[in-house]
Amino acid sequence: MDILTQFEEKVEHLLDRLRALETENLRLQQDLDSERIQKQEVLGRIDNLLKKIQEMNM
């Protein structure tokens, strides 16, 4: 195996790894967006509960 072939294989391996990391990054970004939405929903529900508690104490 000559040096050029070894280099080509290493480059292909790196490109495969890059594609895998890009795919994982996209999935993680989507998960993060989903978690942010869920967090906002939970915070809204907590705010509503706190408002109800405050109204009962008045």
PDB file of N, CA and C in Angstrom:
ATOM      1  N   MET A   1       0.852  -1.172   0.000  1.00  0.00           N
ATOM      2  CA  MET A   1       0.000   0.000   0.000  1.00  0.00           C
ATOM      3  C   MET A   1       0.904   1.243   0.000  1.00  0.00           C
ATOM      4  N   ASP A   2       0.723   2.079  -0.983  1.00  0.00           N
ATOM      5  CA  ASP A   2       1.577   3.259  -1.047  1.00  0.00           C
ATOM      6  C   ASP A   2       1.041   4.371  -0.142  1.00  0.00           C
ATOM      7  N   ILE A   3       1.830   5.376   0.023  1.00  0.00           N
ATOM      8  CA  ILE A   3       1.506   6.455   0.955  1.00  0.00           C
ATOM      9  C   ILE A   3       0.266   7.233   0.521  1.00  0.00           C
ATOM     10  N   LEU A   4       0.068   7.372  -0.777  1.00  0.00           N
ATOM     11  CA  LEU A   4      -1.099   8.095  -1.280  1.00  0.00           C
ATOM     12  C   LEU A   4      -2.384   7.332  -0.947  1.00  0.00           C
ATOM     13  N   THR A   5      -2.355   6.037  -1.075  1.00  0.00           N
ATOM     14  CA  THR A   5      -3.518   5.213  -0.736  1.00  0.00           C
ATOM     15  C   THR A   5      -3.824   5.325   0.753  1.00  0.00           C
ATOM     16  N   GLN A   6      -2.797   5.300   1.572  1.00  0.00           N
ATOM     17  CA  GLN A   6      -2.999   5.458   3.019  1.00  0.00           C
ATOM     18  C   GLN A   6      -3.610   6.815   3.341  1.00  0.00           C
ATOM     19  N   PHE A   7      -3.119   7.822   2.662  1.00  0.00           N
ATOM     20  CA  PHE A   7      -3.648   9.169   2.871  1.00  0.00           C
ATOM     21  C   PHE A   7      -5.123   9.246   2.464  1.00  0.00           C
ATOM     22  N   GLU A   8      -5.452   8.660   1.322  1.00  0.00           N
ATOM     23  CA  GLU A   8      -6.837   8.648   0.856  1.00  0.00           C
ATOM     24  C   GLU A   8      -7.747   7.948   1.862  1.00  0.00           C
ATOM     25  N   GLU A   9      -7.296   6.839   2.420  1.00  0.00           N
ATOM     26  CA  GLU A   9      -8.090   6.110   3.395  1.00  0.00           C
ATOM     27  C   GLU A   9      -8.303   6.926   4.669  1.00  0.00           C
ATOM     28  N   LYS A  10      -7.252   7.605   5.097  1.00  0.00           N
ATOM     29  CA  LYS A  10      -7.379   8.448   6.287  1.00  0.00           C
ATOM     30  C   LYS A  10      -8.352   9.591   6.049  1.00  0.00           C
ATOM     31  N   VAL A  11      -8.268  10.201   4.863  1.00  0.00           N
ATOM     32  CA  VAL A  11      -9.183  11.296   4.528  1.00  0.00           C
ATOM     33  C   VAL A  11     -10.622  10.777   4.495  1.00  0.00           C
ATOM     34  N   GLU A  12     -10.845   9.626   3.884  1.00  0.00           N
ATOM     35  CA  GLU A  12     -12.187   9.038   3.842  1.00  0.00           C
ATOM     36  C   GLU A  12     -12.703   8.747   5.245  1.00  0.00           C
ATOM     37  N   HIS A  13     -11.840   8.219   6.090  1.00  0.00           N
ATOM     38  CA  HIS A  13     -12.218   7.936   7.469  1.00  0.00           C
ATOM     39  C   HIS A  13     -12.610   9.231   8.189  1.00  0.00           C
ATOM     40  N   LEU A  14     -11.823  10.279   7.994  1.00  0.00           N
ATOM     41  CA  LEU A  14     -12.122  11.560   8.624  1.00  0.00           C
ATOM     42  C   LEU A  14     -13.429  12.151   8.102  1.00  0.00           C
ATOM     43  N   LEU A  15     -13.674  12.012   6.814  1.00  0.00           N
ATOM     44  CA  LEU A  15     -14.927  12.515   6.246  1.00  0.00           C
ATOM     45  C   LEU A  15     -16.122  11.732   6.783  1.00  0.00           C
ATOM     46  N   ASP A  16     -15.977  10.422   6.928  1.00  0.00           N
ATOM     47  CA  ASP A  16     -17.049   9.618   7.524  1.00  0.00           C
ATOM     48  C   ASP A  16     -17.331  10.067   8.955  1.00  0.00           C
ATOM     49  N   ARG A  17     -16.258  10.299   9.692  1.00  0.00           N
ATOM     50  CA  ARG A  17     -16.413  10.749  11.082  1.00  0.00           C
ATOM     51  C   ARG A  17     -17.075  12.117  11.131  1.00  0.00           C
ATOM     52  N   LEU A  18     -16.694  12.996  10.217  1.00  0.00           N
ATOM     53  CA  LEU A  18     -17.295  14.326  10.149  1.00  0.00           C
ATOM     54  C   LEU A  18     -18.793  14.232   9.872  1.00  0.00           C
ATOM     55  N   ARG A  19     -19.177  13.381   8.925  1.00  0.00           N
ATOM     56  CA  ARG A  19     -20.603  13.205   8.616  1.00  0.00           C
ATOM     57  C   ARG A  19     -21.357  12.661   9.824  1.00  0.00           C
ATOM     58  N   ALA A  20     -20.753  11.732  10.530  1.00  0.00           N
ATOM     59  CA  ALA A  20     -21.388  11.160  11.720  1.00  0.00           C
ATOM     60  C   ALA A  20     -21.558  12.231  12.800  1.00  0.00           C
ATOM     61  N   LEU A  21     -20.549  13.052  12.977  1.00  0.00           N
ATOM     62  CA  LEU A  21     -20.625  14.112  13.985  1.00  0.00           C
ATOM     63  C   LEU A  21     -21.650  15.178  13.598  1.00  0.00           C
ATOM     64  N   GLU A  22     -21.738  15.484  12.324  1.00  0.00           N
ATOM     65  CA  GLU A  22     -22.739  16.451  11.874  1.00  0.00           C
ATOM     66  C   GLU A  22     -24.145  15.925  12.117  1.00  0.00           C
ATOM     67  N   THR A  23     -24.349  14.635  11.860  1.00  0.00           N
ATOM     68  CA  THR A  23     -25.648  14.010  12.099  1.00  0.00           C
ATOM     69  C   THR A  23     -25.976  14.029  13.591  1.00  0.00           C
ATOM     70  N   GLU A  24     -24.993  13.685  14.409  1.00  0.00           N
ATOM     71  CA  GLU A  24     -25.204  13.698  15.857  1.00  0.00           C
ATOM     72  C   GLU A  24     -25.477  15.112  16.350  1.00  0.00           C
ATOM     73  N   ASN A  25     -24.766  16.075  15.821  1.00  0.00           N
ATOM     74  CA  ASN A  25     -24.967  17.467  16.208  1.00  0.00           C
ATOM     75  C   ASN A  25     -26.387  17.924  15.874  1.00  0.00           C
ATOM     76  N   LEU A  26     -26.870  17.566  14.717  1.00  0.00           N
ATOM     77  CA  LEU A  26     -28.233  17.921  14.322  1.00  0.00           C
ATOM     78  C   LEU A  26     -29.249  17.302  15.279  1.00  0.00           C
ATOM     79  N   ARG A  27     -29.054  16.027  15.610  1.00  0.00           N
ATOM     80  CA  ARG A  27     -29.962  15.352  16.549  1.00  0.00           C
ATOM     81  C   ARG A  27     -29.930  16.017  17.915  1.00  0.00           C
ATOM     82  N   LEU A  28     -28.742  16.374  18.372  1.00  0.00           N
ATOM     83  CA  LEU A  28     -28.618  17.021  19.675  1.00  0.00           C
ATOM     84  C   LEU A  28     -29.262  18.408  19.673  1.00  0.00           C
ATOM     85  N   GLN A  29     -29.131  19.129  18.570  1.00  0.00           N
ATOM     86  CA  GLN A  29     -29.779  20.436  18.456  1.00  0.00           C
ATOM     87  C   GLN A  29     -31.301  20.291  18.520  1.00  0.00           C
ATOM     88  N   GLN A  30     -31.818  19.273  17.847  1.00  0.00           N
ATOM     89  CA  GLN A  30     -33.261  19.028  17.873  1.00  0.00           C
ATOM     90  C   GLN A  30     -33.721  18.641  19.272  1.00  0.00           C
ATOM     91  N   ASP A  31     -32.934  17.805  19.945  1.00  0.00           N
ATOM     92  CA  ASP A  31     -33.256  17.437  21.327  1.00  0.00           C
ATOM     93  C   ASP A  31     -33.248  18.660  22.231  1.00  0.00           C
ATOM     94  N   LEU A  32     -32.259  19.520  22.052  1.00  0.00           N
ATOM     95  CA  LEU A  32     -32.157  20.732  22.859  1.00  0.00           C
ATOM     96  C   LEU A  32     -33.359  21.643  22.627  1.00  0.00           C
ATOM     97  N   ASP A  33     -33.747  21.822  21.382  1.00  0.00           N
ATOM     98  CA  ASP A  33     -34.920  22.640  21.070  1.00  0.00           C
ATOM     99  C   ASP A  33     -36.169  22.066  21.727  1.00  0.00           C
ATOM    100  N   SER A  34     -36.312  20.766  21.669  1.00  0.00           N
ATOM    101  CA  SER A  34     -37.453  20.102  22.287  1.00  0.00           C
ATOM    102  C   SER A  34     -37.451  20.308  23.801  1.00  0.00           C
ATOM    103  N   GLU A  35     -36.287  20.188  24.407  1.00  0.00           N
ATOM    104  CA  GLU A  35     -36.173  20.389  25.859  1.00  0.00           C
ATOM    105  C   GLU A  35     -36.480  21.832  26.244  1.00  0.00           C
ATOM    106  N   ARG A  36     -36.060  22.772  25.426  1.00  0.00           N
ATOM    107  CA  ARG A  36     -36.352  24.184  25.705  1.00  0.00           C
ATOM    108  C   ARG A  36     -37.858  24.442  25.661  1.00  0.00           C
ATOM    109  N   ILE A  37     -38.515  23.870  24.673  1.00  0.00           N
ATOM    110  CA  ILE A  37     -39.966  24.030  24.564  1.00  0.00           C
ATOM    111  C   ILE A  37     -40.658  23.424  25.782  1.00  0.00           C
ATOM    112  N   GLN A  38     -40.225  22.232  26.149  1.00  0.00           N
ATOM    113  CA  GLN A  38     -40.823  21.564  27.307  1.00  0.00           C
ATOM    114  C   GLN A  38     -40.573  22.374  28.581  1.00  0.00           C
ATOM    115  N   LYS A  39     -39.402  22.939  28.720  1.00  0.00           N
ATOM    116  CA  LYS A  39     -39.082  23.749  29.896  1.00  0.00           C
ATOM    117  C   LYS A  39     -40.012  24.957  29.967  1.00  0.00           C
ATOM    118  N   GLN A  40     -40.226  25.617  28.842  1.00  0.00           N
ATOM    119  CA  GLN A  40     -41.114  26.782  28.818  1.00  0.00           C
ATOM    120  C   GLN A  40     -42.540  26.396  29.191  1.00  0.00           C
ATOM    121  N   GLU A  41     -42.989  25.247  28.716  1.00  0.00           N
ATOM    122  CA  GLU A  41     -44.324  24.775  29.065  1.00  0.00           C
ATOM    123  C   GLU A  41     -44.438  24.518  30.566  1.00  0.00           C
ATOM    124  N   VAL A  42     -43.424  23.890  31.136  1.00  0.00           N
ATOM    125  CA  VAL A  42     -43.430  23.597  32.573  1.00  0.00           C
ATOM    126  C   VAL A  42     -43.401  24.896  33.372  1.00  0.00           C
ATOM    127  N   LEU A  43     -42.552  25.835  32.973  1.00  0.00           N
ATOM    128  CA  LEU A  43     -42.497  27.112  33.677  1.00  0.00           C
ATOM    129  C   LEU A  43     -43.828  27.841  33.608  1.00  0.00           C
ATOM    130  N   GLY A  44     -44.490  27.778  32.480  1.00  0.00           N
ATOM    131  CA  GLY A  44     -45.816  28.397  32.348  1.00  0.00           C
ATOM    132  C   GLY A  44     -46.828  27.753  33.277  1.00  0.00           C
ATOM    133  N   ARG A  45     -46.794  26.462  33.369  1.00  0.00           N
ATOM    134  CA  ARG A  45     -47.723  25.757  34.262  1.00  0.00           C
ATOM    135  C   ARG A  45     -47.434  26.095  35.724  1.00  0.00           C
ATOM    136  N   ILE A  46     -46.162  26.180  36.073  1.00  0.00           N
ATOM    137  CA  ILE A  46     -45.801  26.546  37.448  1.00  0.00           C
ATOM    138  C   ILE A  46     -46.270  27.962  37.753  1.00  0.00           C
ATOM    139  N   ASP A  47     -46.076  28.878  36.816  1.00  0.00           N
ATOM    140  CA  ASP A  47     -46.545  30.258  37.007  1.00  0.00           C
ATOM    141  C   ASP A  47     -48.050  30.290  37.230  1.00  0.00           C
ATOM    142  N   ASN A  48     -48.789  29.515  36.449  1.00  0.00           N
ATOM    143  CA  ASN A  48     -50.244  29.476  36.619  1.00  0.00           C
ATOM    144  C   ASN A  48     -50.626  28.942  37.989  1.00  0.00           C
ATOM    145  N   LEU A  49     -49.934  27.919  38.458  1.00  0.00           N
ATOM    146  CA  LEU A  49     -50.219  27.374  39.785  1.00  0.00           C
ATOM    147  C   LEU A  49     -49.897  28.395  40.875  1.00  0.00           C
ATOM    148  N   LEU A  50     -48.784  29.096  40.728  1.00  0.00           N
ATOM    149  CA  LEU A  50     -48.437  30.115  41.722  1.00  0.00           C
ATOM    150  C   LEU A  50     -49.464  31.251  41.749  1.00  0.00           C
ATOM    151  N   LYS A  51     -49.966  31.620  40.594  1.00  0.00           N
ATOM    152  CA  LYS A  51     -50.997  32.652  40.527  1.00  0.00           C
ATOM    153  C   LYS A  51     -52.267  32.194  41.234  1.00  0.00           C
ATOM    154  N   LYS A  52     -52.646  30.951  41.028  1.00  0.00           N
ATOM    155  CA  LYS A  52     -53.825  30.418  41.695  1.00  0.00           C
ATOM    156  C   LYS A  52     -53.649  30.404  43.204  1.00  0.00           C
ATOM    157  N   ILE A  53     -52.460  30.045  43.671  1.00  0.00           N
ATOM    158  CA  ILE A  53     -52.181  30.026  45.110  1.00  0.00           C
ATOM    159  C   ILE A  53     -52.248  31.456  45.661  1.00  0.00           C
ATOM    160  N   GLN A  54     -51.678  32.426  44.935  1.00  0.00           N
ATOM    161  CA  GLN A  54     -51.719  33.807  45.392  1.00  0.00           C
ATOM    162  C   GLN A  54     -53.146  34.335  45.442  1.00  0.00           C
ATOM    163  N   GLU A  55     -53.955  33.953  44.452  1.00  0.00           N
ATOM    164  CA  GLU A  55     -55.350  34.391  44.428  1.00  0.00           C
ATOM    165  C   GLU A  55     -56.122  33.825  45.605  1.00  0.00           C
ATOM    166  N   MET A  56     -55.822  32.624  46.012  1.00  0.00           N
ATOM    167  CA  MET A  56     -56.509  32.011  47.138  1.00  0.00           C
ATOM    168  C   MET A  56     -56.125  32.671  48.454  1.00  0.00           C
ATOM    169  N   ASN A  57     -54.919  33.213  48.535  1.00  0.00           N
ATOM    170  CA  ASN A  57     -54.451  33.852  49.762  1.00  0.00           C
ATOM    171  C   ASN A  57     -54.920  35.287  49.902  1.00  0.00           C
ATOM    172  N   MET A  58     -55.549  35.834  48.897  1.00  0.00           N
ATOM    173  CA  MET A  58     -56.002  37.224  48.963  1.00  0.00           C
ATOM    174  C   MET A  58     -57.338  37.352  49.602  1.00  0.00           C
TER     175      MET A  58
END
